[in-house]
Amino acid sequence: MTRSENFNRIGGRVSLITINKVFYDKVYQHPWLKQYFLNISQQHIEDQQVDFMQKGLGGENHYIGKAPP
């Protein structure tokens, strides 16, 4: 099975979006973890992480290491 097939098997980009949304909802609400992300929008972090994970798991490469807006 190829990396691309494995990526699709786990649910592709849609699954990564869901996973990262749940994770960062918790991070941004955590009493001391949230301080590391004070000046970065949650949506930006989620989008960047989804792109990074997608590339690493065999999906289409959208990750370019974007700087926060």
N, C-alpha and C. Protein backbone atom coordinates (compact mmCIF):
# COMPACT_ATOMS: atom_id res chain seq x y z
N MET A 1 0.85 -1.17 0.00
CA MET A 1 0.00 0.00 0.00
C MET A 1 0.90 1.25 0.00
N THR A 2 0.57 2.20 -0.85
CA THR A 2 1.38 3.42 -0.95
C THR A 2 1.05 4.40 0.17
N ARG A 3 1.91 5.38 0.35
CA ARG A 3 1.66 6.42 1.37
C ARG A 3 0.36 7.16 1.06
N SER A 4 0.13 7.42 -0.21
CA SER A 4 -1.10 8.12 -0.61
C SER A 4 -2.33 7.29 -0.27
N GLU A 5 -2.25 5.99 -0.50
CA GLU A 5 -3.37 5.10 -0.16
C GLU A 5 -3.59 5.07 1.35
N ASN A 6 -2.50 5.04 2.11
CA ASN A 6 -2.63 5.08 3.58
C ASN A 6 -3.26 6.38 4.04
N PHE A 7 -2.85 7.48 3.43
CA PHE A 7 -3.41 8.79 3.77
C PHE A 7 -4.92 8.79 3.54
N ASN A 8 -5.34 8.28 2.40
CA ASN A 8 -6.77 8.22 2.10
C ASN A 8 -7.50 7.24 3.02
N ARG A 9 -6.83 6.19 3.39
CA ARG A 9 -7.44 5.18 4.27
C ARG A 9 -7.78 5.74 5.66
N ILE A 10 -6.98 6.67 6.15
CA ILE A 10 -7.26 7.26 7.47
C ILE A 10 -8.29 8.38 7.41
N GLY A 11 -8.78 8.67 6.21
CA GLY A 11 -9.81 9.69 6.07
C GLY A 11 -9.34 10.96 5.40
N GLY A 12 -8.08 11.00 5.00
CA GLY A 12 -7.55 12.13 4.27
C GLY A 12 -7.57 13.44 5.04
N ARG A 13 -7.63 14.52 4.30
CA ARG A 13 -7.56 15.87 4.86
C ARG A 13 -8.70 16.14 5.84
N VAL A 14 -9.88 15.62 5.55
CA VAL A 14 -11.03 15.86 6.43
C VAL A 14 -10.74 15.35 7.84
N SER A 15 -10.14 14.18 7.95
CA SER A 15 -9.80 13.64 9.27
C SER A 15 -8.76 14.51 9.98
N LEU A 16 -7.77 14.97 9.24
CA LEU A 16 -6.74 15.81 9.85
C LEU A 16 -7.32 17.13 10.34
N ILE A 17 -8.25 17.69 9.60
CA ILE A 17 -8.91 18.94 10.03
C ILE A 17 -9.64 18.71 11.34
N THR A 18 -10.37 17.62 11.44
CA THR A 18 -11.12 17.31 12.66
C THR A 18 -10.19 17.08 13.84
N ILE A 19 -9.16 16.29 13.63
CA ILE A 19 -8.20 15.99 14.70
C ILE A 19 -7.54 17.27 15.22
N ASN A 20 -7.10 18.11 14.31
CA ASN A 20 -6.42 19.35 14.73
C ASN A 20 -7.38 20.34 15.37
N LYS A 21 -8.61 20.39 14.93
CA LYS A 21 -9.61 21.28 15.55
C LYS A 21 -9.83 20.87 17.00
N VAL A 22 -10.04 19.59 17.24
CA VAL A 22 -10.26 19.10 18.61
C VAL A 22 -9.03 19.38 19.47
N PHE A 23 -7.84 19.07 18.95
CA PHE A 23 -6.61 19.27 19.70
C PHE A 23 -6.39 20.74 20.05
N TYR A 24 -6.48 21.62 19.06
CA TYR A 24 -6.18 23.03 19.32
C TYR A 24 -7.29 23.74 20.09
N ASP A 25 -8.52 23.24 20.03
CA ASP A 25 -9.56 23.77 20.93
C ASP A 25 -9.13 23.58 22.37
N LYS A 26 -8.55 22.42 22.66
CA LYS A 26 -8.10 22.12 24.02
C LYS A 26 -6.85 22.93 24.38
N VAL A 27 -5.91 23.04 23.46
CA VAL A 27 -4.69 23.81 23.71
C VAL A 27 -5.01 25.27 23.99
N TYR A 28 -5.89 25.86 23.18
CA TYR A 28 -6.22 27.28 23.33
C TYR A 28 -7.06 27.56 24.58
N GLN A 29 -7.59 26.54 25.20
CA GLN A 29 -8.35 26.71 26.44
C GLN A 29 -7.53 26.33 27.67
N HIS A 30 -6.40 25.68 27.48
CA HIS A 30 -5.59 25.21 28.59
C HIS A 30 -4.96 26.40 29.32
N PRO A 31 -4.96 26.39 30.65
CA PRO A 31 -4.46 27.53 31.44
C PRO A 31 -3.04 27.99 31.10
N TRP A 32 -2.11 27.08 30.90
CA TRP A 32 -0.74 27.55 30.62
C TRP A 32 -0.27 27.25 29.21
N LEU A 33 -0.85 26.29 28.51
CA LEU A 33 -0.43 26.05 27.12
C LEU A 33 -0.84 27.19 26.20
N LYS A 34 -2.00 27.78 26.47
CA LYS A 34 -2.50 28.84 25.59
C LYS A 34 -1.58 30.05 25.51
N GLN A 35 -0.73 30.25 26.52
CA GLN A 35 0.16 31.40 26.50
C GLN A 35 1.17 31.36 25.35
N TYR A 36 1.45 30.17 24.83
CA TYR A 36 2.40 30.05 23.73
C TYR A 36 1.80 30.47 22.39
N PHE A 37 0.49 30.67 22.36
CA PHE A 37 -0.21 30.98 21.12
C PHE A 37 -0.99 32.29 21.19
N LEU A 38 -0.64 33.16 22.11
CA LEU A 38 -1.41 34.38 22.35
C LEU A 38 -1.56 35.26 21.11
N ASN A 39 -0.54 35.38 20.32
CA ASN A 39 -0.57 36.29 19.17
C ASN A 39 -0.75 35.59 17.84
N ILE A 40 -1.18 34.33 17.87
CA ILE A 40 -1.37 33.55 16.65
C ILE A 40 -2.79 33.03 16.62
N SER A 41 -3.47 33.28 15.52
CA SER A 41 -4.86 32.82 15.44
C SER A 41 -4.91 31.29 15.44
N GLN A 42 -5.90 30.76 16.10
CA GLN A 42 -6.07 29.32 16.16
C GLN A 42 -6.27 28.75 14.76
N GLN A 43 -7.02 29.44 13.93
CA GLN A 43 -7.27 28.95 12.57
C GLN A 43 -5.98 28.83 11.78
N HIS A 44 -5.09 29.80 11.93
CA HIS A 44 -3.80 29.75 11.23
C HIS A 44 -2.99 28.53 11.66
N ILE A 45 -2.91 28.30 12.95
CA ILE A 45 -2.16 27.16 13.47
C ILE A 45 -2.76 25.85 12.98
N GLU A 46 -4.08 25.75 13.03
CA GLU A 46 -4.75 24.53 12.57
C GLU A 46 -4.47 24.28 11.09
N ASP A 47 -4.61 25.32 10.27
CA ASP A 47 -4.37 25.17 8.83
C ASP A 47 -2.94 24.74 8.54
N GLN A 48 -1.99 25.37 9.23
CA GLN A 48 -0.58 25.05 9.01
C GLN A 48 -0.28 23.60 9.45
N GLN A 49 -0.83 23.20 10.56
CA GLN A 49 -0.57 21.85 11.06
C GLN A 49 -1.21 20.79 10.15
N VAL A 50 -2.41 21.06 9.66
CA VAL A 50 -3.06 20.13 8.73
C VAL A 50 -2.21 19.98 7.48
N ASP A 51 -1.72 21.08 6.92
CA ASP A 51 -0.86 21.02 5.73
C ASP A 51 0.40 20.21 6.01
N PHE A 52 1.03 20.45 7.15
CA PHE A 52 2.25 19.73 7.52
C PHE A 52 2.00 18.23 7.67
N MET A 53 0.93 17.88 8.38
CA MET A 53 0.62 16.47 8.61
C MET A 53 0.22 15.79 7.30
N GLN A 54 -0.51 16.50 6.46
CA GLN A 54 -0.92 15.93 5.18
C GLN A 54 0.31 15.56 4.35
N LYS A 55 1.28 16.46 4.29
CA LYS A 55 2.52 16.19 3.56
C LYS A 55 3.23 14.97 4.15
N GLY A 56 3.35 14.94 5.46
CA GLY A 56 4.07 13.86 6.13
C GLY A 56 3.40 12.50 6.01
N LEU A 57 2.09 12.50 5.84
CA LEU A 57 1.35 11.24 5.78
C LEU A 57 1.06 10.76 4.36
N GLY A 58 1.61 11.47 3.37
CA GLY A 58 1.49 11.00 1.99
C GLY A 58 0.43 11.68 1.16
N GLY A 59 -0.17 12.73 1.67
CA GLY A 59 -1.16 13.48 0.89
C GLY A 59 -0.48 14.54 0.03
N GLU A 60 -1.30 15.30 -0.66
CA GLU A 60 -0.80 16.38 -1.51
C GLU A 60 -0.06 17.41 -0.66
N ASN A 61 1.05 17.92 -1.18
CA ASN A 61 1.88 18.86 -0.43
C ASN A 61 1.35 20.29 -0.54
N HIS A 62 0.82 20.83 0.57
CA HIS A 62 0.40 22.22 0.65
C HIS A 62 1.28 22.99 1.63
N TYR A 63 2.14 22.29 2.36
CA TYR A 63 2.91 22.91 3.43
C TYR A 63 4.11 23.67 2.89
N ILE A 64 4.19 24.96 3.24
CA ILE A 64 5.35 25.76 2.84
C ILE A 64 5.93 26.52 4.03
N GLY A 65 5.51 26.17 5.24
CA GLY A 65 6.05 26.81 6.43
C GLY A 65 5.63 28.26 6.55
N LYS A 66 4.37 28.52 6.33
CA LYS A 66 3.85 29.89 6.33
C LYS A 66 4.07 30.60 7.66
N ALA A 67 4.38 31.87 7.57
CA ALA A 67 4.47 32.71 8.77
C ALA A 67 3.07 33.15 9.17
N PRO A 68 2.83 33.33 10.45
CA PRO A 68 1.51 33.80 10.89
C PRO A 68 1.21 35.18 10.33
N PRO A 69 -0.07 35.46 10.08
CA PRO A 69 -0.44 36.78 9.56
C PRO A 69 -0.21 37.88 10.59
